[in-house]
PDB file of N, CA and C in Angstrom:
ATOM      1  N   MET A   1       0.567  -1.001   0.112  1.00  0.00           N
ATOM      2  CA  MET A   1       0.323   0.343   0.177  1.00  0.00           C
ATOM      3  C   MET A   1       0.608   1.398  -0.032  1.00  0.00           C
ATOM      4  N   LYS A   2       0.812   2.003  -0.828  1.00  0.00           N
ATOM      5  CA  LYS A   2       1.302   3.545  -0.888  1.00  0.00           C
ATOM      6  C   LYS A   2       0.495   4.447   0.409  1.00  0.00           C
ATOM      7  N   ARG A   3       1.977   4.636   0.788  1.00  0.00           N
ATOM      8  CA  ARG A   3       1.766   6.336   1.685  1.00  0.00           C
ATOM      9  C   ARG A   3       1.493   7.601   0.646  1.00  0.00           C
ATOM     10  N   LYS A   4       0.455   8.434   1.003  1.00  0.00           N
ATOM     11  CA  LYS A   4      -0.058   9.682   0.695  1.00  0.00           C
ATOM     12  C   LYS A   4       1.164  10.506   1.263  1.00  0.00           C
ATOM     13  N   SER A   5       1.487  10.998   0.546  1.00  0.00           N
ATOM     14  CA  SER A   5       2.853  12.227   1.208  1.00  0.00           C
ATOM     15  C   SER A   5       2.090  13.722   1.794  1.00  0.00           C
ATOM     16  N   LYS A   6       2.435  13.864   2.833  1.00  0.00           N
ATOM     17  CA  LYS A   6       1.581  15.571   3.172  1.00  0.00           C
ATOM     18  C   LYS A   6       1.527  16.617   1.818  1.00  0.00           C
ATOM     19  N   PRO A   7       0.460  17.346   1.484  1.00  0.00           N
ATOM     20  CA  PRO A   7       0.830  18.116   0.738  1.00  0.00           C
ATOM     21  C   PRO A   7       2.198  19.544   0.949  1.00  0.00           C
ATOM     22  N   LYS A   8       3.492  19.695   0.684  1.00  0.00           N
ATOM     23  CA  LYS A   8       4.048  20.369   1.309  1.00  0.00           C
ATOM     24  C   LYS A   8       4.111  22.007   1.120  1.00  0.00           C
ATOM     25  N   ALA A   9       3.838  22.525   2.240  1.00  0.00           N
ATOM     26  CA  ALA A   9       3.518  23.979   3.044  1.00  0.00           C
ATOM     27  C   ALA A   9       5.022  24.504   2.201  1.00  0.00           C
ATOM     28  N   ALA A  10       4.710  25.570   1.952  1.00  0.00           N
ATOM     29  CA  ALA A  10       5.591  27.057   1.137  1.00  0.00           C
ATOM     30  C   ALA A  10       6.609  27.390   1.915  1.00  0.00           C
ATOM     31  N   CYS A  11       7.326  27.669   1.564  1.00  0.00           N
ATOM     32  CA  CYS A  11       8.730  27.200   2.875  1.00  0.00           C
ATOM     33  C   CYS A  11       8.594  29.393   3.606  1.00  0.00           C
ATOM     34  N   CYS A  12       8.128  29.439   2.701  1.00  0.00           N
ATOM     35  CA  CYS A  12       8.328  31.258   2.943  1.00  0.00           C
ATOM     36  C   CYS A  12       6.417  31.384   3.029  1.00  0.00           C
ATOM     37  N   PRO A  13       6.180  31.971   4.427  1.00  0.00           N
ATOM     38  CA  PRO A  13       4.594  32.258   4.282  1.00  0.00           C
ATOM     39  C   PRO A  13       4.483  34.022   3.646  1.00  0.00           C
ATOM     40  N   PRO A  14       3.100  33.576   2.553  1.00  0.00           N
ATOM     41  CA  PRO A  14       2.724  35.196   2.489  1.00  0.00           C
ATOM     42  C   PRO A  14       2.928  36.199   2.896  1.00  0.00           C
ATOM     43  N   PRO A  15       3.957  37.347   2.369  1.00  0.00           N
ATOM     44  CA  PRO A  15       4.046  38.442   3.087  1.00  0.00           C
ATOM     45  C   PRO A  15       3.474  39.247   4.101  1.00  0.00           C
ATOM     46  N   GLU A  16       3.124  40.248   4.450  1.00  0.00           N
ATOM     47  CA  GLU A  16       1.779  40.531   5.502  1.00  0.00           C
ATOM     48  C   GLU A  16       1.863  41.934   4.558  1.00  0.00           C
ATOM     49  N   ASP A  17       0.379  42.267   4.392  1.00  0.00           N
ATOM     50  CA  ASP A  17       0.353  43.182   2.948  1.00  0.00           C
ATOM     51  C   ASP A  17      -0.214  44.509   3.746  1.00  0.00           C
ATOM     52  N   SER A  18      -0.283  44.614   5.367  1.00  0.00           N
ATOM     53  CA  SER A  18      -0.709  45.797   5.299  1.00  0.00           C
ATOM     54  C   SER A  18       0.295  47.089   5.736  1.00  0.00           C
ATOM     55  N   PRO A  19      -0.714  48.657   5.529  1.00  0.00           N
ATOM     56  CA  PRO A  19       0.312  49.353   5.361  1.00  0.00           C
ATOM     57  C   PRO A  19       1.393  49.319   6.209  1.00  0.00           C
ATOM     58  N   ASP A  20       2.549  49.615   6.109  1.00  0.00           N
ATOM     59  CA  ASP A  20       3.938  50.564   7.133  1.00  0.00           C
ATOM     60  C   ASP A  20       3.411  51.391   7.504  1.00  0.00           C
ATOM     61  N   LEU A  21       2.851  52.271   9.346  1.00  0.00           N
ATOM     62  CA  LEU A  21       2.403  54.016   9.148  1.00  0.00           C
ATOM     63  C   LEU A  21       3.835  54.292  10.059  1.00  0.00           C
ATOM     64  N   ARG A  22       4.532  53.021  10.354  1.00  0.00           N
ATOM     65  CA  ARG A  22       5.344  53.780  11.336  1.00  0.00           C
ATOM     66  C   ARG A  22       6.773  55.533  10.420  1.00  0.00           C
ATOM     67  N   PRO A  23       6.513  56.121  11.852  1.00  0.00           N
ATOM     68  CA  PRO A  23       7.777  57.343  10.804  1.00  0.00           C
ATOM     69  C   PRO A  23       8.585  56.694  10.344  1.00  0.00           C
ATOM     70  N   THR A  24       8.706  57.807   9.471  1.00  0.00           N
ATOM     71  CA  THR A  24      11.067  57.117   8.823  1.00  0.00           C
ATOM     72  C   THR A  24      11.366  58.219   8.907  1.00  0.00           C
ATOM     73  N   GLU A  25      11.180  59.117  10.744  1.00  0.00           N
ATOM     74  CA  GLU A  25      12.181  60.554  11.336  1.00  0.00           C
ATOM     75  C   GLU A  25      11.990  60.270  12.682  1.00  0.00           C
ATOM     76  N   GLY A  26      13.250  60.469  13.119  1.00  0.00           N
ATOM     77  CA  GLY A  26      13.205  60.160  15.279  1.00  0.00           C
ATOM     78  C   GLY A  26      14.139  59.030  14.789  1.00  0.00           C
ATOM     79  N   PRO A  27      14.038  59.429  16.647  1.00  0.00           N
ATOM     80  CA  PRO A  27      15.667  58.738  17.071  1.00  0.00           C
ATOM     81  C   PRO A  27      15.131  56.148  16.334  1.00  0.00           C
ATOM     82  N   GLN A  28      13.349  56.857  16.615  1.00  0.00           N
ATOM     83  CA  GLN A  28      13.716  54.728  16.197  1.00  0.00           C
ATOM     84  C   GLN A  28      13.631  54.782  15.030  1.00  0.00           C
ATOM     85  N   ALA A  29      13.531  55.256  13.754  1.00  0.00           N
ATOM     86  CA  ALA A  29      13.874  55.335  12.900  1.00  0.00           C
ATOM     87  C   ALA A  29      15.549  54.687  12.130  1.00  0.00           C
ATOM     88  N   ASP A  30      15.339  56.385  13.158  1.00  0.00           N
ATOM     89  CA  ASP A  30      17.697  55.880  13.019  1.00  0.00           C
ATOM     90  C   ASP A  30      17.496  54.924  13.064  1.00  0.00           C
ATOM     91  N   ARG A  31      17.607  54.138  14.289  1.00  0.00           N
ATOM     92  CA  ARG A  31      17.968  53.034  14.732  1.00  0.00           C
ATOM     93  C   ARG A  31      17.559  51.977  14.187  1.00  0.00           C
ATOM     94  N   GLU A  32      16.882  51.864  13.187  1.00  0.00           N
ATOM     95  CA  GLU A  32      15.651  51.121  12.663  1.00  0.00           C
ATOM     96  C   GLU A  32      16.906  51.033  10.654  1.00  0.00           C
ATOM     97  N   LEU A  33      17.165  52.313  10.389  1.00  0.00           N
ATOM     98  CA  LEU A  33      17.677  52.313   9.340  1.00  0.00           C
ATOM     99  C   LEU A  33      19.188  52.007   9.683  1.00  0.00           C
ATOM    100  N   ALA A  34      19.887  51.827  11.093  1.00  0.00           N
ATOM    101  CA  ALA A  34      21.069  52.130  11.168  1.00  0.00           C
ATOM    102  C   ALA A  34      21.519  50.113  11.279  1.00  0.00           C
ATOM    103  N   SER A  35      20.407  49.741  11.262  1.00  0.00           N
ATOM    104  CA  SER A  35      20.615  48.312  11.765  1.00  0.00           C
ATOM    105  C   SER A  35      20.423  47.487  10.588  1.00  0.00           C
ATOM    106  N   PHE A  36      20.150  48.016   9.072  1.00  0.00           N
ATOM    107  CA  PHE A  36      19.263  47.877   8.458  1.00  0.00           C
ATOM    108  C   PHE A  36      20.576  47.981   7.217  1.00  0.00           C
ATOM    109  N   ALA A  37      20.833  49.522   7.750  1.00  0.00           N
ATOM    110  CA  ALA A  37      22.191  49.671   7.024  1.00  0.00           C
ATOM    111  C   ALA A  37      23.895  48.373   7.275  1.00  0.00           C
ATOM    112  N   LYS A  38      23.639  48.486   8.931  1.00  0.00           N
ATOM    113  CA  LYS A  38      24.693  47.671   9.508  1.00  0.00           C
ATOM    114  C   LYS A  38      24.559  45.877   8.705  1.00  0.00           C
ATOM    115  N   ALA A  39      23.354  45.206   8.490  1.00  0.00           N
ATOM    116  CA  ALA A  39      23.431  44.303   7.890  1.00  0.00           C
ATOM    117  C   ALA A  39      23.817  44.266   6.572  1.00  0.00           C
ATOM    118  N   LEU A  40      23.511  45.068   5.488  1.00  0.00           N
ATOM    119  CA  LEU A  40      23.680  45.464   4.323  1.00  0.00           C
ATOM    120  C   LEU A  40      24.822  45.475   4.495  1.00  0.00           C
ATOM    121  N   GLY A  41      25.760  46.071   5.803  1.00  0.00           N
ATOM    122  CA  GLY A  41      27.538  46.321   5.419  1.00  0.00           C
ATOM    123  C   GLY A  41      28.555  45.544   4.626  1.00  0.00           C
ATOM    124  N   HIS A  42      27.965  44.365   4.440  1.00  0.00           N
ATOM    125  CA  HIS A  42      28.439  43.344   4.054  1.00  0.00           C
ATOM    126  C   HIS A  42      29.057  43.395   2.236  1.00  0.00           C
ATOM    127  N   VAL A  43      29.582  43.527   1.112  1.00  0.00           N
ATOM    128  CA  VAL A  43      29.132  43.238   0.029  1.00  0.00           C
ATOM    129  C   VAL A  43      28.593  41.672  -0.428  1.00  0.00           C
ATOM    130  N   ALA A  44      28.539  40.875   0.593  1.00  0.00           N
ATOM    131  CA  ALA A  44      28.265  39.548   0.103  1.00  0.00           C
ATOM    132  C   ALA A  44      26.904  39.216   0.967  1.00  0.00           C
ATOM    133  N   ARG A  45      26.486  39.856   1.944  1.00  0.00           N
ATOM    134  CA  ARG A  45      25.023  39.885   2.523  1.00  0.00           C
ATOM    135  C   ARG A  45      24.178  41.028   1.159  1.00  0.00           C
ATOM    136  N   VAL A  46      24.890  41.547   0.717  1.00  0.00           N
ATOM    137  CA  VAL A  46      24.045  42.600  -0.190  1.00  0.00           C
ATOM    138  C   VAL A  46      23.798  41.728  -1.968  1.00  0.00           C
ATOM    139  N   GLN A  47      25.121  41.205  -1.910  1.00  0.00           N
ATOM    140  CA  GLN A  47      24.389  39.567  -3.309  1.00  0.00           C
ATOM    141  C   GLN A  47      23.960  38.803  -2.619  1.00  0.00           C
ATOM    142  N   ILE A  48      23.707  38.289  -1.207  1.00  0.00           N
ATOM    143  CA  ILE A  48      22.188  37.350  -1.527  1.00  0.00           C
ATOM    144  C   ILE A  48      21.026  37.970  -1.374  1.00  0.00           C
ATOM    145  N   VAL A  49      21.102  39.345  -0.525  1.00  0.00           N
ATOM    146  CA  VAL A  49      19.747  40.632  -0.950  1.00  0.00           C
ATOM    147  C   VAL A  49      19.579  40.051  -2.601  1.00  0.00           C
ATOM    148  N   ARG A  50      20.526  40.508  -2.983  1.00  0.00           N
ATOM    149  CA  ARG A  50      19.959  40.983  -4.713  1.00  0.00           C
ATOM    150  C   ARG A  50      19.435  39.583  -5.790  1.00  0.00           C
ATOM    151  N   LEU A  51      20.663  38.384  -4.688  1.00  0.00           N
ATOM    152  CA  LEU A  51      19.909  36.782  -5.598  1.00  0.00           C
ATOM    153  C   LEU A  51      18.183  36.443  -5.158  1.00  0.00           C
ATOM    154  N   LEU A  52      18.129  37.071  -3.781  1.00  0.00           N
ATOM    155  CA  LEU A  52      16.792  36.469  -3.147  1.00  0.00           C
ATOM    156  C   LEU A  52      16.220  37.325  -3.743  1.00  0.00           C
ATOM    157  N   LEU A  53      15.984  37.983  -4.571  1.00  0.00           N
ATOM    158  CA  LEU A  53      15.052  38.862  -4.988  1.00  0.00           C
ATOM    159  C   LEU A  53      14.821  39.158  -6.724  1.00  0.00           C
ATOM    160  N   ARG A  54      16.005  38.481  -7.214  1.00  0.00           N
ATOM    161  CA  ARG A  54      16.045  38.110  -8.495  1.00  0.00           C
ATOM    162  C   ARG A  54      15.152  36.286  -9.034  1.00  0.00           C
ATOM    163  N   LYS A  55      15.503  36.294  -7.188  1.00  0.00           N
ATOM    164  CA  LYS A  55      14.925  34.725  -7.168  1.00  0.00           C
ATOM    165  C   LYS A  55      13.394  35.047  -7.535  1.00  0.00           C
ATOM    166  N   ASN A  56      12.941  35.284  -6.591  1.00  0.00           N
ATOM    167  CA  ASN A  56      11.571  36.322  -6.151  1.00  0.00           C
ATOM    168  C   ASN A  56      10.428  34.419  -5.537  1.00  0.00           C
ATOM    169  N   SER A  57      12.188  34.080  -4.814  1.00  0.00           N
ATOM    170  CA  SER A  57      11.061  32.728  -4.474  1.00  0.00           C
ATOM    171  C   SER A  57      11.886  32.426  -3.261  1.00  0.00           C
ATOM    172  N   CYS A  58      11.690  31.122  -2.387  1.00  0.00           N
ATOM    173  CA  CYS A  58      12.378  30.414  -1.672  1.00  0.00           C
ATOM    174  C   CYS A  58      13.364  29.767  -2.271  1.00  0.00           C
ATOM    175  N   VAL A  59      14.996  29.807  -1.615  1.00  0.00           N
ATOM    176  CA  VAL A  59      15.908  29.224  -2.045  1.00  0.00           C
ATOM    177  C   VAL A  59      17.006  28.553  -1.005  1.00  0.00           C
ATOM    178  N   CYS A  60      16.806  27.181  -1.033  1.00  0.00           N
ATOM    179  CA  CYS A  60      17.530  26.443  -0.176  1.00  0.00           C
ATOM    180  C   CYS A  60      18.757  26.473  -0.210  1.00  0.00           C
ATOM    181  N   GLY A  61      19.611  25.114  -1.362  1.00  0.00           N
ATOM    182  CA  GLY A  61      21.276  25.306  -1.394  1.00  0.00           C
ATOM    183  C   GLY A  61      21.148  25.941  -2.649  1.00  0.00           C
ATOM    184  N   GLY A  62      20.720  26.449  -3.347  1.00  0.00           N
ATOM    185  CA  GLY A  62      21.226  27.787  -4.488  1.00  0.00           C
ATOM    186  C   GLY A  62      22.294  28.593  -4.192  1.00  0.00           C
ATOM    187  N   ILE A  63      22.093  29.604  -2.312  1.00  0.00           N
ATOM    188  CA  ILE A  63      22.962  30.089  -2.281  1.00  0.00           C
ATOM    189  C   ILE A  63      24.128  30.155  -2.208  1.00  0.00           C
ATOM    190  N   VAL A  64      24.894  29.115  -2.035  1.00  0.00           N
ATOM    191  CA  VAL A  64      25.576  28.944  -2.074  1.00  0.00           C
ATOM    192  C   VAL A  64      26.583  28.131  -3.537  1.00  0.00           C
ATOM    193  N   ASP A  65      25.368  27.892  -4.133  1.00  0.00           N
ATOM    194  CA  ASP A  65      25.923  27.361  -5.462  1.00  0.00           C
ATOM    195  C   ASP A  65      26.294  28.893  -6.118  1.00  0.00           C
ATOM    196  N   GLU A  66      25.635  29.675  -6.100  1.00  0.00           N
ATOM    197  CA  GLU A  66      25.865  31.386  -6.452  1.00  0.00           C
ATOM    198  C   GLU A  66      26.800  32.048  -6.014  1.00  0.00           C
ATOM    199  N   LEU A  67      27.385  31.619  -5.320  1.00  0.00           N
ATOM    200  CA  LEU A  67      28.441  32.798  -4.531  1.00  0.00           C
ATOM    201  C   LEU A  67      29.757  31.785  -4.008  1.00  0.00           C
ATOM    202  N   PRO A  68      30.656  32.687  -4.470  1.00  0.00           N
ATOM    203  CA  PRO A  68      32.360  31.532  -3.798  1.00  0.00           C
ATOM    204  C   PRO A  68      32.520  32.198  -2.295  1.00  0.00           C
ATOM    205  N   LEU A  69      31.263  31.592  -1.502  1.00  0.00           N
ATOM    206  CA  LEU A  69      31.652  31.028  -0.164  1.00  0.00           C
ATOM    207  C   LEU A  69      31.293  30.076   0.290  1.00  0.00           C
ATOM    208  N   ALA A  70      31.887  29.402   0.786  1.00  0.00           N
ATOM    209  CA  ALA A  70      31.845  28.595   1.701  1.00  0.00           C
ATOM    210  C   ALA A  70      30.600  28.453   2.328  1.00  0.00           C
ATOM    211  N   GLN A  71      29.312  26.963   2.799  1.00  0.00           N
ATOM    212  CA  GLN A  71      28.371  27.414   3.564  1.00  0.00           C
ATOM    213  C   GLN A  71      27.994  27.617   4.965  1.00  0.00           C
ATOM    214  N   SER A  72      29.712  27.852   5.292  1.00  0.00           N
ATOM    215  CA  SER A  72      29.306  28.237   6.876  1.00  0.00           C
ATOM    216  C   SER A  72      29.538  29.773   6.931  1.00  0.00           C
ATOM    217  N   THR A  73      29.821  30.242   5.327  1.00  0.00           N
ATOM    218  CA  THR A  73      30.289  31.988   5.537  1.00  0.00           C
ATOM    219  C   THR A  73      28.972  32.400   5.265  1.00  0.00           C
ATOM    220  N   VAL A  74      28.389  31.915   4.671  1.00  0.00           N
ATOM    221  CA  VAL A  74      26.800  32.038   3.550  1.00  0.00           C
ATOM    222  C   VAL A  74      25.626  32.275   4.698  1.00  0.00           C
ATOM    223  N   SER A  75      26.189  30.805   5.561  1.00  0.00           N
ATOM    224  CA  SER A  75      24.727  31.057   6.898  1.00  0.00           C
ATOM    225  C   SER A  75      25.267  32.042   7.843  1.00  0.00           C
ATOM    226  N   GLN A  76      26.469  32.122   7.963  1.00  0.00           N
ATOM    227  CA  GLN A  76      26.517  33.566   9.371  1.00  0.00           C
ATOM    228  C   GLN A  76      25.833  34.514   8.391  1.00  0.00           C
ATOM    229  N   HIS A  77      26.211  34.741   6.825  1.00  0.00           N
ATOM    230  CA  HIS A  77      25.588  36.088   6.584  1.00  0.00           C
ATOM    231  C   HIS A  77      24.485  36.170   6.974  1.00  0.00           C
ATOM    232  N   LEU A  78      23.663  34.784   6.249  1.00  0.00           N
ATOM    233  CA  LEU A  78      22.054  34.912   6.367  1.00  0.00           C
ATOM    234  C   LEU A  78      21.293  34.703   7.786  1.00  0.00           C
ATOM    235  N   LYS A  79      22.081  34.480   8.658  1.00  0.00           N
ATOM    236  CA  LYS A  79      21.716  34.747  10.201  1.00  0.00           C
ATOM    237  C   LYS A  79      21.484  35.907  10.545  1.00  0.00           C
ATOM    238  N   VAL A  80      22.937  36.993   9.785  1.00  0.00           N
ATOM    239  CA  VAL A  80      23.129  38.325   9.669  1.00  0.00           C
ATOM    240  C   VAL A  80      22.096  38.912   9.456  1.00  0.00           C
ATOM    241  N   LEU A  81      21.693  38.590   7.805  1.00  0.00           N
ATOM    242  CA  LEU A  81      19.716  39.780   7.914  1.00  0.00           C
ATOM    243  C   LEU A  81      18.642  39.219   8.000  1.00  0.00           C
ATOM    244  N   LYS A  82      19.016  37.883   8.599  1.00  0.00           N
ATOM    245  CA  LYS A  82      17.515  37.242   8.996  1.00  0.00           C
ATOM    246  C   LYS A  82      17.487  38.067  10.031  1.00  0.00           C
ATOM    247  N   GLN A  83      18.307  38.149  11.251  1.00  0.00           N
ATOM    248  CA  GLN A  83      18.769  38.626  12.521  1.00  0.00           C
ATOM    249  C   GLN A  83      17.833  40.650  12.436  1.00  0.00           C
ATOM    250  N   ALA A  84      18.518  40.667  11.049  1.00  0.00           N
ATOM    251  CA  ALA A  84      17.797  42.071  10.630  1.00  0.00           C
ATOM    252  C   ALA A  84      16.600  42.525   9.939  1.00  0.00           C
ATOM    253  N   GLY A  85      15.933  40.816   9.693  1.00  0.00           N
ATOM    254  CA  GLY A  85      14.607  41.308   9.496  1.00  0.00           C
ATOM    255  C   GLY A  85      14.534  40.845   7.835  1.00  0.00           C
ATOM    256  N   LEU A  86      15.700  41.061   7.149  1.00  0.00           N
ATOM    257  CA  LEU A  86      15.507  41.273   5.827  1.00  0.00           C
ATOM    258  C   LEU A  86      15.287  40.334   4.985  1.00  0.00           C
ATOM    259  N   VAL A  87      15.608  39.055   5.735  1.00  0.00           N
ATOM    260  CA  VAL A  87      15.260  37.743   4.838  1.00  0.00           C
ATOM    261  C   VAL A  87      14.309  36.211   6.337  1.00  0.00           C
ATOM    262  N   ARG A  88      13.450  35.584   5.609  1.00  0.00           N
ATOM    263  CA  ARG A  88      13.132  34.637   6.436  1.00  0.00           C
ATOM    264  C   ARG A  88      13.690  33.744   5.599  1.00  0.00           C
ATOM    265  N   GLY A  89      13.737  32.873   6.624  1.00  0.00           N
ATOM    266  CA  GLY A  89      13.849  31.471   6.647  1.00  0.00           C
ATOM    267  C   GLY A  89      13.293  30.354   7.303  1.00  0.00           C
ATOM    268  N   GLU A  90      12.724  30.121   6.780  1.00  0.00           N
ATOM    269  CA  GLU A  90      11.575  28.833   7.074  1.00  0.00           C
ATOM    270  C   GLU A  90      12.386  27.393   6.739  1.00  0.00           C
ATOM    271  N   ILE A  91      12.570  26.412   7.793  1.00  0.00           N
ATOM    272  CA  ILE A  91      12.522  25.179   7.689  1.00  0.00           C
ATOM    273  C   ILE A  91      11.934  23.520   7.262  1.00  0.00           C
ATOM    274  N   ASP A  92      12.857  23.035   5.721  1.00  0.00           N
ATOM    275  CA  ASP A  92      11.500  22.299   5.252  1.00  0.00           C
ATOM    276  C   ASP A  92      12.731  21.298   4.815  1.00  0.00           C
ATOM    277  N   GLY A  93      12.615  20.454   6.279  1.00  0.00           N
ATOM    278  CA  GLY A  93      12.893  19.153   6.546  1.00  0.00           C
ATOM    279  C   GLY A  93      14.170  19.448   6.851  1.00  0.00           C
ATOM    280  N   PRO A  94      15.553  18.910   6.068  1.00  0.00           N
ATOM    281  CA  PRO A  94      16.572  18.538   6.449  1.00  0.00           C
ATOM    282  C   PRO A  94      17.767  20.409   5.990  1.00  0.00           C
ATOM    283  N   ARG A  95      16.517  20.979   5.685  1.00  0.00           N
ATOM    284  CA  ARG A  95      17.222  22.534   4.902  1.00  0.00           C
ATOM    285  C   ARG A  95      16.853  23.475   5.084  1.00  0.00           C
ATOM    286  N   VAL A  96      16.640  24.732   5.095  1.00  0.00           N
ATOM    287  CA  VAL A  96      16.483  26.412   5.771  1.00  0.00           C
ATOM    288  C   VAL A  96      16.180  26.444   4.431  1.00  0.00           C
ATOM    289  N   CYS A  97      14.864  27.180   3.757  1.00  0.00           N
ATOM    290  CA  CYS A  97      15.062  27.961   2.783  1.00  0.00           C
ATOM    291  C   CYS A  97      14.369  29.333   2.937  1.00  0.00           C
ATOM    292  N   TYR A  98      14.976  30.253   2.436  1.00  0.00           N
ATOM    293  CA  TYR A  98      15.273  31.796   2.389  1.00  0.00           C
ATOM    294  C   TYR A  98      14.487  32.358   1.423  1.00  0.00           C
ATOM    295  N   CYS A  99      14.260  33.600   1.741  1.00  0.00           N
ATOM    296  CA  CYS A  99      13.678  34.005   1.069  1.00  0.00           C
ATOM    297  C   CYS A  99      13.566  36.176   1.643  1.00  0.00           C
ATOM    298  N   ILE A 100      13.203  36.873   0.752  1.00  0.00           N
ATOM    299  CA  ILE A 100      12.882  38.177   1.331  1.00  0.00           C
ATOM    300  C   ILE A 100      12.236  38.621   2.388  1.00  0.00           C
ATOM    301  N   GLU A 101      12.134  39.448   2.934  1.00  0.00           N
ATOM    302  CA  GLU A 101      10.789  39.904   4.085  1.00  0.00           C
ATOM    303  C   GLU A 101      10.311  40.957   3.342  1.00  0.00           C
ATOM    304  N   PRO A 102       9.742  41.158   2.734  1.00  0.00           N
ATOM    305  CA  PRO A 102       8.692  42.255   1.835  1.00  0.00           C
ATOM    306  C   PRO A 102       8.805  43.809   2.031  1.00  0.00           C
ATOM    307  N   ARG A 103       8.249  43.415   3.318  1.00  0.00           N
ATOM    308  CA  ARG A 103       7.572  44.254   4.262  1.00  0.00           C
ATOM    309  C   ARG A 103       9.068  45.061   4.569  1.00  0.00           C
ATOM    310  N   ALA A 104      10.022  44.560   5.288  1.00  0.00           N
ATOM    311  CA  ALA A 104      11.188  44.944   5.644  1.00  0.00           C
ATOM    312  C   ALA A 104      12.104  45.220   4.989  1.00  0.00           C
ATOM    313  N   LEU A 105      12.254  45.263   3.222  1.00  0.00           N
ATOM    314  CA  LEU A 105      12.892  45.918   2.209  1.00  0.00           C
ATOM    315  C   LEU A 105      11.521  46.721   1.731  1.00  0.00           C
ATOM    316  N   ARG A 106      10.368  47.393   2.107  1.00  0.00           N
ATOM    317  CA  ARG A 106       9.535  48.027   1.535  1.00  0.00           C
ATOM    318  C   ARG A 106      10.067  49.250   2.710  1.00  0.00           C
ATOM    319  N   ARG A 107      10.438  48.985   4.164  1.00  0.00           N
ATOM    320  CA  ARG A 107      10.409  50.094   5.328  1.00  0.00           C
ATOM    321  C   ARG A 107      12.083  50.254   5.132  1.00  0.00           C
ATOM    322  N   LEU A 108      12.931  49.993   4.458  1.00  0.00           N
ATOM    323  CA  LEU A 108      14.499  49.883   4.224  1.00  0.00           C
ATOM    324  C   LEU A 108      14.201  51.445   3.274  1.00  0.00           C
ATOM    325  N   ARG A 109      13.915  50.888   1.976  1.00  0.00           N
ATOM    326  CA  ARG A 109      13.483  52.061   0.938  1.00  0.00           C
ATOM    327  C   ARG A 109      12.528  53.165   1.646  1.00  0.00           C
ATOM    328  N   ALA A 110      11.726  52.937   2.335  1.00  0.00           N
ATOM    329  CA  ALA A 110      11.317  54.254   3.426  1.00  0.00           C
ATOM    330  C   ALA A 110      11.721  54.915   3.608  1.00  0.00           C
ATOM    331  N   LEU A 111      13.004  54.328   4.277  1.00  0.00           N
ATOM    332  CA  LEU A 111      14.025  54.823   5.830  1.00  0.00           C
ATOM    333  C   LEU A 111      14.823  55.691   4.196  1.00  0.00           C
ATOM    334  N   VAL A 112      15.332  54.730   3.666  1.00  0.00           N
ATOM    335  CA  VAL A 112      16.120  55.523   2.747  1.00  0.00           C
ATOM    336  C   VAL A 112      15.407  56.763   2.189  1.00  0.00           C
ATOM    337  N   GLY A 113      14.883  56.781   1.592  1.00  0.00           N
ATOM    338  CA  GLY A 113      14.083  58.009   1.073  1.00  0.00           C
ATOM    339  C   GLY A 113      13.740  59.124   2.173  1.00  0.00           C
ATOM    340  N   SER A 114      13.301  59.104   2.856  1.00  0.00           N
ATOM    341  CA  SER A 114      13.580  59.940   3.884  1.00  0.00           C
ATOM    342  C   SER A 114      14.751  60.797   4.306  1.00  0.00           C
ATOM    343  N   LEU A 115      16.110  60.033   3.961  1.00  0.00           N
ATOM    344  CA  LEU A 115      17.077  60.923   4.275  1.00  0.00           C
ATOM    345  C   LEU A 115      17.618  61.851   3.845  1.00  0.00           C
TER     346      LEU A 115
END
């Protein structure tokens, strides 16, 4: 008897579409912008964000294949991006799939635009 497999869940849930009404100026906004800037302060992390934006979907092992970096180095950069909220990572069996956090990217654009 053949077992039916469970339907595979999306590796990254749909982004929240509600508008972000937080101010783009002031001490909290400045701290938030500095946090984003720090997360993007390494060329490898910028490359990872660009890669995830180009793919426009969840990426698991493909990130390492695209960059001239070791798996552990890519993992460390992804951890920084995830801590800053720019990237989401969802566990998919033995691997973690990553995608851009659209709300954070919109927030980053708004904060940079307010400079």
